[in-house]
């Protein structure tokens, strides 16, 4: 039977950078996690239902058809893609979880009713994600505090792999004397000029 409801969930991965002296962490977007579709399917075979062109009263066989969608296929070496159409909803993804619960049995011990909680993870090809929506180049600028005993040259070596690039950080932060920087000072770490051109 059709589910009575479904839910869609979408999350973003956000990292938190804790900086001494600030009331709350600095948040930075890392990546999206895609949508998740969840619903509960209800199976009732108190009256025989057609399964593979034959009447069937065992709900476990219907549950098996659903859980088979999680099996790895030989050609793709991955579970099959599934499409869920429901009114205006069209969701393409893979079945990530199926949890069955059996509710009613006949005298033979066959399950006559079952619910299956299913979770689908959305599938979007890389090409689609890169073009929809159009994306501009990200800003590679970072902000981070200067740690105790850390120098601009050590910071440049860590960020750029070249301690000689400390002047790039000094110019961006208008530092005239790098020896007099206090620990905890927030520094803007700009991208390397070549990196900016590549973007």
Foldseek 3Di string as FASTA:
>chain_A
DDFPDKDKDWDWDWDFDDFPPDPGTDIDTDGTQAMKMKTKDKAAQPPFDDDPNDTDQAVVVVLVVVVQQQDQDDPVRGRDWDWDDDPPDTFIFGWDDWDKDADDADPVRGGRMMMIMIMGGGDDDPVCVCVVPPDDDDFPKDKDWAAPPDFLLNVCCVPPVGSVCSVVQCVVVVPPDRVPDDGSDITIDHDDPVVVVVD
